[in-house]
């Protein structure tokens, strides 16, 4: 092998090695960076009136539990940020699921009648 070819091969090897080292360095530095996680979805919470006193805020899940114990009804007054005034819970569309989760599903339809041949 002539000296010129050897020099060219060494230069090429050095360039490839340098490029790979740079890639590895970038990968390793990326591992130390803080990972971007999406923000949590904002939770909806309501203030309620209990015996004329303001209480809360409560999440929708908490309100469902209060429905189960009878502490929260469609007549309970609620308010959340963005609402102009207090309203009865039964008039707030977003709270429909809080009350409907306690309604048992309707009876399934009867099975089809056997056909006679």
C-alpha atoms as a PDB file:
ATOM      1  CA  UNK A   1       0.000   0.000   0.000  1.00  0.00           C
ATOM      2  CA  UNK A   2       1.433   3.370  -0.912  1.00  0.00           C
ATOM      3  CA  UNK A   3       1.798   6.130   1.695  1.00  0.00           C
ATOM      4  CA  UNK A   4      -0.806   8.355  -0.011  1.00  0.00           C
ATOM      5  CA  UNK A   5      -3.495   5.681   0.234  1.00  0.00           C
ATOM      6  CA  UNK A   6      -2.604   5.044   3.861  1.00  0.00           C
ATOM      7  CA  UNK A   7      -2.941   8.734   4.671  1.00  0.00           C
ATOM      8  CA  UNK A   8      -6.278   8.941   2.854  1.00  0.00           C
ATOM      9  CA  UNK A   9      -7.563   5.860   4.709  1.00  0.00           C
ATOM     10  CA  UNK A  10      -6.440   7.247   8.049  1.00  0.00           C
ATOM     11  CA  UNK A  11      -8.074  10.598   7.318  1.00  0.00           C
ATOM     12  CA  UNK A  12     -11.313   8.874   6.305  1.00  0.00           C
ATOM     13  CA  UNK A  13     -11.255   6.697   9.413  1.00  0.00           C
ATOM     14  CA  UNK A  14     -10.639   9.724  11.577  1.00  0.00           C
ATOM     15  CA  UNK A  15     -13.549  11.598  10.013  1.00  0.00           C
ATOM     16  CA  UNK A  16     -15.945   8.664  10.462  1.00  0.00           C
ATOM     17  CA  UNK A  17     -14.790   8.130  14.040  1.00  0.00           C
ATOM     18  CA  UNK A  18     -15.146  11.807  14.828  1.00  0.00           C
ATOM     19  CA  UNK A  19     -18.660  11.867  13.385  1.00  0.00           C
ATOM     20  CA  UNK A  20     -19.706   8.840  15.406  1.00  0.00           C
ATOM     21  CA  UNK A  21     -18.226  10.327  18.572  1.00  0.00           C
ATOM     22  CA  UNK A  22     -20.230  13.501  17.975  1.00  0.00           C
ATOM     23  CA  UNK A  23     -23.434  11.510  17.517  1.00  0.00           C
ATOM     24  CA  UNK A  24     -22.817   9.536  20.698  1.00  0.00           C
ATOM     25  CA  UNK A  25     -22.077  12.733  22.587  1.00  0.00           C
ATOM     26  CA  UNK A  26     -25.347  14.256  21.404  1.00  0.00           C
ATOM     27  CA  UNK A  27     -27.289  11.153  22.406  1.00  0.00           C
ATOM     28  CA  UNK A  28     -25.696  11.048  25.837  1.00  0.00           C
ATOM     29  CA  UNK A  29     -26.296  14.734  26.508  1.00  0.00           C
ATOM     30  CA  UNK A  30     -29.943  14.267  25.516  1.00  0.00           C
ATOM     31  CA  UNK A  31     -30.321  11.616  28.189  1.00  0.00           C
ATOM     32  CA  UNK A  32     -29.386  14.106  30.889  1.00  0.00           C
ATOM     33  CA  UNK A  33     -31.898  16.702  29.748  1.00  0.00           C
ATOM     34  CA  UNK A  34     -35.252  16.893  31.458  1.00  0.00           C
ATOM     35  CA  UNK A  35     -37.888  15.041  29.478  1.00  0.00           C
ATOM     36  CA  UNK A  36     -40.838  17.105  28.294  1.00  0.00           C
ATOM     37  CA  UNK A  37     -44.042  15.684  29.731  1.00  0.00           C
ATOM     38  CA  UNK A  38     -47.418  17.056  28.694  1.00  0.00           C
ATOM     39  CA  UNK A  39     -49.213  19.116  31.320  1.00  0.00           C
ATOM     40  CA  UNK A  40     -52.023  17.512  33.274  1.00  0.00           C
ATOM     41  CA  UNK A  41     -55.516  18.223  32.068  1.00  0.00           C
ATOM     42  CA  UNK A  42     -57.080  20.944  34.177  1.00  0.00           C
ATOM     43  CA  UNK A  43     -59.486  19.516  36.699  1.00  0.00           C
ATOM     44  CA  UNK A  44     -62.910  21.059  36.965  1.00  0.00           C
ATOM     45  CA  UNK A  45     -63.983  22.005  40.460  1.00  0.00           C
ATOM     46  CA  UNK A  46     -67.134  23.520  41.879  1.00  0.00           C
ATOM     47  CA  UNK A  47     -68.025  25.451  44.983  1.00  0.00           C
ATOM     48  CA  UNK A  48     -71.290  24.307  46.588  1.00  0.00           C
ATOM     49  CA  UNK A  49     -73.609  25.639  49.227  1.00  0.00           C
ATOM     50  CA  UNK A  50     -74.208  23.432  52.248  1.00  0.00           C
ATOM     51  CA  UNK A  51     -76.763  24.732  54.759  1.00  0.00           C
ATOM     52  CA  UNK A  52     -76.330  28.213  53.309  1.00  0.00           C
ATOM     53  CA  UNK A  53     -72.542  28.105  53.664  1.00  0.00           C
ATOM     54  CA  UNK A  54     -70.072  28.064  50.799  1.00  0.00           C
ATOM     55  CA  UNK A  55     -67.928  24.925  50.688  1.00  0.00           C
ATOM     56  CA  UNK A  56     -65.346  23.485  48.335  1.00  0.00           C
ATOM     57  CA  UNK A  57     -63.968  23.448  45.771  1.00  0.00           C
ATOM     58  CA  UNK A  58     -64.903  19.861  44.887  1.00  0.00           C
ATOM     59  CA  UNK A  59     -63.986  17.803  41.837  1.00  0.00           C
ATOM     60  CA  UNK A  60     -66.589  16.028  39.723  1.00  0.00           C
ATOM     61  CA  UNK A  61     -65.481  12.727  41.273  1.00  0.00           C
ATOM     62  CA  UNK A  62     -66.077  14.097  44.771  1.00  0.00           C
ATOM     63  CA  UNK A  63     -69.500  15.398  43.747  1.00  0.00           C
ATOM     64  CA  UNK A  64     -70.409  11.907  42.478  1.00  0.00           C
ATOM     65  CA  UNK A  65     -69.559  10.527  45.911  1.00  0.00           C
ATOM     66  CA  UNK A  66     -71.731  13.197  47.540  1.00  0.00           C
ATOM     67  CA  UNK A  67     -74.617  12.191  45.270  1.00  0.00           C
ATOM     68  CA  UNK A  68     -74.251   8.594  46.488  1.00  0.00           C
ATOM     69  CA  UNK A  69     -74.542   9.722  50.118  1.00  0.00           C
ATOM     70  CA  UNK A  70     -77.393  12.133  49.369  1.00  0.00           C
ATOM     71  CA  UNK A  71     -75.342  15.194  50.338  1.00  0.00           C
ATOM     72  CA  UNK A  72     -75.404  16.628  46.797  1.00  0.00           C
ATOM     73  CA  UNK A  73     -78.625  16.910  44.804  1.00  0.00           C
ATOM     74  CA  UNK A  74     -79.839  18.629  41.654  1.00  0.00           C
ATOM     75  CA  UNK A  75     -81.176  21.397  43.907  1.00  0.00           C
ATOM     76  CA  UNK A  76     -77.764  22.129  45.471  1.00  0.00           C
ATOM     77  CA  UNK A  77     -76.425  25.495  44.335  1.00  0.00           C
ATOM     78  CA  UNK A  78     -73.041  25.395  42.607  1.00  0.00           C
ATOM     79  CA  UNK A  79     -70.563  27.851  41.167  1.00  0.00           C
ATOM     80  CA  UNK A  80     -67.252  27.540  39.331  1.00  0.00           C
ATOM     81  CA  UNK A  81     -64.866  30.047  37.853  1.00  0.00           C
ATOM     82  CA  UNK A  82     -66.353  31.494  34.688  1.00  0.00           C
ATOM     83  CA  UNK A  83     -69.976  31.214  35.857  1.00  0.00           C
ATOM     84  CA  UNK A  84     -71.777  34.501  36.311  1.00  0.00           C
ATOM     85  CA  UNK A  85     -73.963  33.391  39.230  1.00  0.00           C
ATOM     86  CA  UNK A  86     -74.714  30.411  41.450  1.00  0.00           C
ATOM     87  CA  UNK A  87     -77.023  27.858  39.803  1.00  0.00           C
ATOM     88  CA  UNK A  88     -78.822  24.719  40.820  1.00  0.00           C
ATOM     89  CA  UNK A  89     -76.671  21.714  39.954  1.00  0.00           C
ATOM     90  CA  UNK A  90     -79.488  20.172  37.929  1.00  0.00           C
ATOM     91  CA  UNK A  91     -79.354  23.158  35.549  1.00  0.00           C
ATOM     92  CA  UNK A  92     -75.608  22.826  34.846  1.00  0.00           C
ATOM     93  CA  UNK A  93     -75.084  20.674  31.758  1.00  0.00           C
ATOM     94  CA  UNK A  94     -71.536  19.723  32.772  1.00  0.00           C
ATOM     95  CA  UNK A  95     -72.901  18.076  35.930  1.00  0.00           C
ATOM     96  CA  UNK A  96     -75.379  15.768  34.152  1.00  0.00           C
ATOM     97  CA  UNK A  97     -72.888  12.903  34.334  1.00  0.00           C
ATOM     98  CA  UNK A  98     -72.593  13.304  38.094  1.00  0.00           C
ATOM     99  CA  UNK A  99     -76.266  12.449  38.485  1.00  0.00           C
ATOM    100  CA  UNK A 100     -76.732  10.029  35.595  1.00  0.00           C
ATOM    101  CA  UNK A 101     -73.991   7.699  36.842  1.00  0.00           C
ATOM    102  CA  UNK A 102     -76.340   6.625  39.644  1.00  0.00           C
ATOM    103  CA  UNK A 103     -79.248   5.802  37.388  1.00  0.00           C
ATOM    104  CA  UNK A 104     -79.413   2.091  36.656  1.00  0.00           C
ATOM    105  CA  UNK A 105     -79.531   1.197  32.972  1.00  0.00           C
ATOM    106  CA  UNK A 106     -82.920   0.292  31.523  1.00  0.00           C
ATOM    107  CA  UNK A 107     -83.931  -3.336  31.230  1.00  0.00           C
ATOM    108  CA  UNK A 108     -82.581  -4.995  28.090  1.00  0.00           C
ATOM    109  CA  UNK A 109     -85.085  -5.854  25.377  1.00  0.00           C
ATOM    110  CA  UNK A 110     -86.574  -9.342  25.534  1.00  0.00           C
ATOM    111  CA  UNK A 111     -84.964 -11.998  23.405  1.00  0.00           C
ATOM    112  CA  UNK A 112     -86.491 -12.476  19.970  1.00  0.00           C
ATOM    113  CA  UNK A 113     -89.347 -14.915  19.781  1.00  0.00           C
ATOM    114  CA  UNK A 114     -88.441 -18.279  18.274  1.00  0.00           C
ATOM    115  CA  UNK A 115     -89.447 -18.627  14.662  1.00  0.00           C
ATOM    116  CA  UNK A 116     -91.639 -21.512  13.605  1.00  0.00           C
ATOM    117  CA  UNK A 117     -90.797 -23.341  10.456  1.00  0.00           C
END
